[in-house]
Amino acid sequence: MLHKNNQIEIVKGIIKTDLDLYTDYLISSFGQTTATGLSPMLDKAVSHDDVTRFLSQVDSGSEALWQQVKPVVRQVKKALPPQEQGCLLLDDSIIEKAYTDENGLVTVHYGHRKARYVKAST
């Protein structure tokens, strides 16, 4: 079914077909990852513009993340006895350093609170 906005259709196509691939790309990369870097790896089957549109329209807040992982967490919890259950905490906090020159620790990151890129350390 076509939607009124073709960009949304492209984004939904990425969500349905390439979200796992994009996630694998992020996890397996040892250096900086970019939409431009992903596109050549896929023989340009998905353009970097498609990936950028997808990323700009995805709800990436804590609630959206929990809705994605909650079924897996609950499934694992049921499958394991209490003594084998554990918790993995991830901290994606950034500390803005607006007046510091970029260096090995201070680089440009996307600040979700400000909804823009900022100079920060992780």
N, C-alpha and C. Protein backbone atom coordinates (compact mmCIF):
# COMPACT_ATOMS: atom_id res chain seq x y z
N MET A 1 0.84 -1.18 0.00
CA MET A 1 0.00 0.00 0.00
C MET A 1 0.88 1.24 0.00
N LEU A 2 0.61 2.16 -0.89
CA LEU A 2 1.39 3.38 -0.97
C LEU A 2 0.86 4.41 0.00
N HIS A 3 1.76 5.13 0.58
CA HIS A 3 1.39 6.21 1.49
C HIS A 3 1.46 7.52 0.73
N LYS A 4 0.88 8.56 1.30
CA LYS A 4 0.88 9.86 0.64
C LYS A 4 2.29 10.37 0.42
N ASN A 5 3.18 10.08 1.34
CA ASN A 5 4.53 10.61 1.29
C ASN A 5 5.50 9.48 0.96
N ASN A 6 6.14 9.54 -0.19
CA ASN A 6 7.05 8.48 -0.61
C ASN A 6 8.24 8.33 0.33
N GLN A 7 8.67 9.43 0.96
CA GLN A 7 9.78 9.32 1.90
C GLN A 7 9.42 8.41 3.07
N ILE A 8 8.19 8.51 3.54
CA ILE A 8 7.75 7.65 4.64
C ILE A 8 7.74 6.21 4.17
N GLU A 9 7.32 5.96 2.95
CA GLU A 9 7.33 4.59 2.42
C GLU A 9 8.75 4.04 2.41
N ILE A 10 9.69 4.86 1.98
CA ILE A 10 11.09 4.44 1.98
C ILE A 10 11.54 4.15 3.41
N VAL A 11 11.21 5.04 4.32
CA VAL A 11 11.59 4.84 5.72
C VAL A 11 10.98 3.56 6.26
N LYS A 12 9.70 3.34 5.97
CA LYS A 12 9.07 2.12 6.45
C LYS A 12 9.72 0.90 5.81
N GLY A 13 10.14 1.00 4.56
CA GLY A 13 10.84 -0.10 3.91
C GLY A 13 12.14 -0.42 4.62
N ILE A 14 12.86 0.62 5.03
CA ILE A 14 14.11 0.41 5.76
C ILE A 14 13.81 -0.22 7.12
N ILE A 15 12.80 0.27 7.77
CA ILE A 15 12.46 -0.29 9.08
C ILE A 15 12.13 -1.77 8.95
N LYS A 16 11.37 -2.14 7.93
CA LYS A 16 10.94 -3.52 7.77
C LYS A 16 12.06 -4.43 7.29
N THR A 17 12.96 -3.93 6.44
CA THR A 17 13.92 -4.81 5.81
C THR A 17 15.36 -4.61 6.27
N ASP A 18 15.73 -3.40 6.65
CA ASP A 18 17.14 -3.12 6.87
C ASP A 18 17.51 -2.64 8.27
N LEU A 19 16.54 -2.59 9.19
CA LEU A 19 16.88 -2.16 10.54
C LEU A 19 17.87 -3.13 11.18
N ASP A 20 17.63 -4.42 11.03
CA ASP A 20 18.56 -5.40 11.59
C ASP A 20 19.93 -5.29 10.93
N LEU A 21 19.95 -5.09 9.63
CA LEU A 21 21.22 -4.95 8.92
C LEU A 21 21.96 -3.70 9.40
N TYR A 22 21.26 -2.59 9.58
CA TYR A 22 21.89 -1.37 10.05
C TYR A 22 22.43 -1.56 11.47
N THR A 23 21.64 -2.24 12.31
CA THR A 23 22.09 -2.52 13.67
C THR A 23 23.34 -3.39 13.66
N ASP A 24 23.37 -4.42 12.82
CA ASP A 24 24.55 -5.26 12.70
C ASP A 24 25.76 -4.46 12.24
N TYR A 25 25.54 -3.53 11.32
CA TYR A 25 26.61 -2.66 10.85
C TYR A 25 27.19 -1.84 12.00
N LEU A 26 26.32 -1.29 12.84
CA LEU A 26 26.79 -0.49 13.98
C LEU A 26 27.57 -1.35 14.98
N ILE A 27 27.05 -2.52 15.27
CA ILE A 27 27.67 -3.40 16.26
C ILE A 27 29.02 -3.92 15.78
N SER A 28 29.12 -4.26 14.50
CA SER A 28 30.33 -4.91 14.00
C SER A 28 31.42 -3.92 13.57
N SER A 29 31.11 -2.64 13.52
CA SER A 29 32.10 -1.66 13.08
C SER A 29 33.07 -1.33 14.20
N PHE A 30 34.33 -1.17 13.84
CA PHE A 30 35.36 -0.84 14.81
C PHE A 30 35.67 0.64 14.86
N GLY A 31 35.22 1.36 13.88
CA GLY A 31 35.50 2.79 13.83
C GLY A 31 34.22 3.58 13.71
N GLN A 32 34.35 4.76 13.17
CA GLN A 32 33.20 5.64 13.01
C GLN A 32 32.23 5.02 12.00
N THR A 33 30.95 5.09 12.30
CA THR A 33 29.93 4.57 11.39
C THR A 33 29.11 5.72 10.83
N THR A 34 28.78 5.61 9.56
CA THR A 34 28.00 6.66 8.91
C THR A 34 27.03 6.01 7.93
N ALA A 35 25.98 6.74 7.59
CA ALA A 35 25.07 6.28 6.55
C ALA A 35 25.81 6.16 5.23
N THR A 36 26.76 7.08 5.00
CA THR A 36 27.56 7.04 3.79
C THR A 36 28.43 5.79 3.75
N GLY A 37 28.89 5.33 4.92
CA GLY A 37 29.70 4.12 4.98
C GLY A 37 28.89 2.85 4.78
N LEU A 38 27.63 2.86 5.17
CA LEU A 38 26.78 1.69 5.02
C LEU A 38 26.40 1.46 3.57
N SER A 39 26.09 2.49 2.85
CA SER A 39 25.60 2.36 1.48
C SER A 39 26.53 1.54 0.57
N PRO A 40 27.83 1.81 0.51
CA PRO A 40 28.71 1.01 -0.35
C PRO A 40 28.79 -0.47 0.09
N MET A 41 28.63 -0.71 1.36
CA MET A 41 28.68 -2.10 1.84
C MET A 41 27.49 -2.89 1.30
N LEU A 42 26.41 -2.22 0.96
CA LEU A 42 25.21 -2.86 0.43
C LEU A 42 25.12 -2.72 -1.08
N ASP A 43 26.26 -2.43 -1.72
CA ASP A 43 26.29 -2.18 -3.16
C ASP A 43 25.25 -1.14 -3.57
N LYS A 44 25.06 -0.16 -2.70
CA LYS A 44 24.15 0.97 -2.90
C LYS A 44 22.69 0.54 -3.09
N ALA A 45 22.34 -0.64 -2.57
CA ALA A 45 20.93 -1.08 -2.62
C ALA A 45 20.06 -0.15 -1.78
N VAL A 46 20.64 0.40 -0.72
CA VAL A 46 19.98 1.41 0.10
C VAL A 46 20.91 2.61 0.09
N SER A 47 20.41 3.75 -0.33
CA SER A 47 21.27 4.93 -0.41
C SER A 47 21.50 5.52 0.97
N HIS A 48 22.56 6.31 1.09
CA HIS A 48 22.82 6.96 2.38
C HIS A 48 21.70 7.96 2.70
N ASP A 49 21.06 8.52 1.68
CA ASP A 49 19.92 9.42 1.93
C ASP A 49 18.76 8.65 2.56
N ASP A 50 18.52 7.42 2.11
CA ASP A 50 17.46 6.59 2.71
C ASP A 50 17.74 6.33 4.18
N VAL A 51 18.98 6.00 4.49
CA VAL A 51 19.35 5.73 5.87
C VAL A 51 19.23 6.99 6.72
N THR A 52 19.67 8.12 6.18
CA THR A 52 19.59 9.39 6.91
C THR A 52 18.13 9.76 7.18
N ARG A 53 17.25 9.59 6.19
CA ARG A 53 15.83 9.86 6.40
C ARG A 53 15.26 8.96 7.48
N PHE A 54 15.61 7.69 7.40
CA PHE A 54 15.15 6.72 8.39
C PHE A 54 15.58 7.14 9.80
N LEU A 55 16.84 7.48 9.96
CA LEU A 55 17.36 7.85 11.28
C LEU A 55 16.73 9.14 11.79
N SER A 56 16.41 10.06 10.90
CA SER A 56 15.83 11.32 11.35
C SER A 56 14.37 11.17 11.76
N GLN A 57 13.72 10.10 11.35
CA GLN A 57 12.30 9.93 11.65
C GLN A 57 12.02 8.85 12.69
N VAL A 58 13.05 8.17 13.14
CA VAL A 58 12.87 7.12 14.14
C VAL A 58 12.77 7.73 15.53
N ASP A 59 11.80 7.29 16.30
CA ASP A 59 11.70 7.71 17.70
C ASP A 59 12.77 6.95 18.47
N SER A 60 13.79 7.64 18.92
CA SER A 60 14.93 6.96 19.54
C SER A 60 15.03 7.22 21.04
N GLY A 61 13.92 7.59 21.65
CA GLY A 61 13.93 7.85 23.09
C GLY A 61 13.89 6.56 23.88
N SER A 62 13.98 6.70 25.19
CA SER A 62 14.01 5.55 26.08
C SER A 62 12.75 4.69 25.97
N GLU A 63 11.61 5.34 25.87
CA GLU A 63 10.34 4.60 25.78
C GLU A 63 10.29 3.75 24.51
N ALA A 64 10.71 4.32 23.37
CA ALA A 64 10.71 3.57 22.11
C ALA A 64 11.67 2.39 22.18
N LEU A 65 12.84 2.61 22.78
CA LEU A 65 13.80 1.52 22.92
C LEU A 65 13.23 0.40 23.79
N TRP A 66 12.61 0.76 24.90
CA TRP A 66 12.03 -0.25 25.80
C TRP A 66 10.94 -1.05 25.08
N GLN A 67 10.12 -0.40 24.28
CA GLN A 67 9.09 -1.11 23.54
C GLN A 67 9.68 -2.12 22.56
N GLN A 68 10.86 -1.81 22.02
CA GLN A 68 11.52 -2.73 21.10
C GLN A 68 12.12 -3.94 21.81
N VAL A 69 12.75 -3.72 22.96
CA VAL A 69 13.47 -4.81 23.63
C VAL A 69 12.66 -5.54 24.68
N LYS A 70 11.55 -4.97 25.11
CA LYS A 70 10.76 -5.56 26.19
C LYS A 70 10.36 -7.01 25.90
N PRO A 71 9.84 -7.36 24.70
CA PRO A 71 9.47 -8.75 24.46
C PRO A 71 10.65 -9.72 24.60
N VAL A 72 11.82 -9.31 24.16
CA VAL A 72 13.00 -10.17 24.27
C VAL A 72 13.41 -10.32 25.73
N VAL A 73 13.39 -9.23 26.47
CA VAL A 73 13.74 -9.27 27.89
C VAL A 73 12.80 -10.21 28.64
N ARG A 74 11.51 -10.08 28.37
CA ARG A 74 10.52 -10.93 29.05
C ARG A 74 10.70 -12.40 28.66
N GLN A 75 11.00 -12.66 27.40
CA GLN A 75 11.21 -14.03 26.94
C GLN A 75 12.42 -14.66 27.63
N VAL A 76 13.51 -13.93 27.72
CA VAL A 76 14.72 -14.44 28.38
C VAL A 76 14.45 -14.65 29.86
N LYS A 77 13.73 -13.73 30.48
CA LYS A 77 13.42 -13.84 31.90
C LYS A 77 12.64 -15.12 32.19
N LYS A 78 11.69 -15.45 31.33
CA LYS A 78 10.90 -16.68 31.53
C LYS A 78 11.74 -17.93 31.30
N ALA A 79 12.71 -17.86 30.40
CA ALA A 79 13.50 -19.03 30.02
C ALA A 79 14.60 -19.37 31.02
N LEU A 80 15.05 -18.40 31.80
CA LEU A 80 16.18 -18.62 32.72
C LEU A 80 15.72 -18.70 34.16
N PRO A 81 16.36 -19.57 34.95
CA PRO A 81 16.08 -19.57 36.39
C PRO A 81 16.62 -18.28 37.01
N PRO A 82 16.05 -17.85 38.14
CA PRO A 82 16.44 -16.57 38.75
C PRO A 82 17.95 -16.42 38.97
N GLN A 83 18.64 -17.49 39.35
CA GLN A 83 20.08 -17.36 39.62
C GLN A 83 20.90 -17.12 38.35
N GLU A 84 20.32 -17.35 37.18
CA GLU A 84 21.04 -17.13 35.92
C GLU A 84 20.61 -15.83 35.24
N GLN A 85 19.66 -15.13 35.80
CA GLN A 85 19.22 -13.88 35.21
C GLN A 85 20.20 -12.77 35.56
N GLY A 86 20.35 -11.82 34.68
CA GLY A 86 21.25 -10.71 34.92
C GLY A 86 20.73 -9.45 34.28
N CYS A 87 21.52 -8.42 34.37
CA CYS A 87 21.11 -7.13 33.84
C CYS A 87 22.32 -6.47 33.18
N LEU A 88 22.12 -5.98 31.98
CA LEU A 88 23.15 -5.24 31.27
C LEU A 88 22.70 -3.80 31.18
N LEU A 89 23.46 -2.90 31.74
CA LEU A 89 23.12 -1.48 31.71
C LEU A 89 23.98 -0.77 30.67
N LEU A 90 23.34 0.03 29.86
CA LEU A 90 24.03 0.81 28.85
C LEU A 90 23.83 2.28 29.15
N ASP A 91 24.89 3.04 29.07
CA ASP A 91 24.80 4.47 29.32
C ASP A 91 25.25 5.20 28.06
N ASP A 92 24.32 5.88 27.43
CA ASP A 92 24.67 6.64 26.23
C ASP A 92 24.70 8.13 26.52
N SER A 93 24.97 8.48 27.77
CA SER A 93 25.04 9.89 28.15
C SER A 93 26.19 10.59 27.44
N ILE A 94 25.96 11.83 27.11
CA ILE A 94 27.04 12.66 26.60
C ILE A 94 27.12 13.91 27.46
N ILE A 95 28.32 14.43 27.59
CA ILE A 95 28.54 15.65 28.37
C ILE A 95 28.97 16.73 27.39
N GLU A 96 28.12 17.70 27.20
CA GLU A 96 28.42 18.74 26.22
C GLU A 96 29.63 19.55 26.64
N LYS A 97 30.49 19.81 25.68
CA LYS A 97 31.70 20.61 25.87
C LYS A 97 31.73 21.67 24.78
N ALA A 98 30.80 22.59 24.84
CA ALA A 98 30.61 23.58 23.77
C ALA A 98 31.85 24.45 23.53
N TYR A 99 32.64 24.69 24.58
CA TYR A 99 33.76 25.62 24.45
C TYR A 99 35.11 24.93 24.41
N THR A 100 35.11 23.63 24.22
CA THR A 100 36.35 22.86 24.15
C THR A 100 36.63 22.49 22.70
N ASP A 101 37.90 22.59 22.30
CA ASP A 101 38.27 22.17 20.95
C ASP A 101 38.11 20.66 20.83
N GLU A 102 37.77 20.21 19.61
CA GLU A 102 37.66 18.77 19.39
C GLU A 102 39.04 18.13 19.58
N ASN A 103 39.03 16.93 20.18
CA ASN A 103 40.25 16.17 20.38
C ASN A 103 39.88 14.69 20.47
N GLY A 104 40.73 13.86 21.01
CA GLY A 104 40.45 12.43 21.11
C GLY A 104 39.26 12.09 21.97
N LEU A 105 38.94 12.94 22.92
CA LEU A 105 37.81 12.67 23.82
C LEU A 105 36.57 13.50 23.50
N VAL A 106 36.77 14.68 22.98
CA VAL A 106 35.66 15.58 22.68
C VAL A 106 35.45 15.58 21.17
N THR A 107 34.32 15.04 20.74
CA THR A 107 33.99 14.98 19.32
C THR A 107 32.52 15.36 19.15
N VAL A 108 32.07 15.37 17.93
CA VAL A 108 30.68 15.74 17.64
C VAL A 108 29.78 14.51 17.84
N HIS A 109 28.74 14.69 18.63
CA HIS A 109 27.75 13.64 18.90
C HIS A 109 26.36 14.23 18.72
N TYR A 110 25.39 13.36 18.48
CA TYR A 110 24.01 13.84 18.40
C TYR A 110 23.46 13.92 19.81
N GLY A 111 23.04 15.10 20.23
CA GLY A 111 22.46 15.31 21.55
C GLY A 111 20.95 15.22 21.46
N HIS A 112 20.37 14.12 21.95
CA HIS A 112 18.93 13.91 21.84
C HIS A 112 18.13 14.95 22.62
N ARG A 113 18.65 15.40 23.73
CA ARG A 113 17.93 16.42 24.51
C ARG A 113 17.80 17.71 23.73
N LYS A 114 18.84 18.06 22.97
CA LYS A 114 18.81 19.30 22.19
C LYS A 114 18.37 19.07 20.75
N ALA A 115 18.26 17.80 20.36
CA ALA A 115 17.84 17.42 19.00
C ALA A 115 18.74 18.05 17.94
N ARG A 116 20.04 18.04 18.22
CA ARG A 116 21.01 18.54 17.25
C ARG A 116 22.39 18.00 17.61
N TYR A 117 23.35 18.19 16.74
CA TYR A 117 24.71 17.74 17.02
C TYR A 117 25.41 18.74 17.92
N VAL A 118 26.19 18.22 18.88
CA VAL A 118 26.93 19.06 19.81
C VAL A 118 28.33 18.50 20.02
N LYS A 119 29.26 19.37 20.39
CA LYS A 119 30.58 18.89 20.79
C LYS A 119 30.45 18.33 22.21
N ALA A 120 30.88 17.09 22.40
CA ALA A 120 30.69 16.46 23.70
C ALA A 120 31.66 15.32 23.89
N SER A 121 31.76 14.88 25.15
CA SER A 121 32.50 13.66 25.46
C SER A 121 31.49 12.62 25.94
N THR A 122 31.85 11.37 25.76
CA THR A 122 30.93 10.30 26.19
C THR A 122 31.39 9.69 27.48
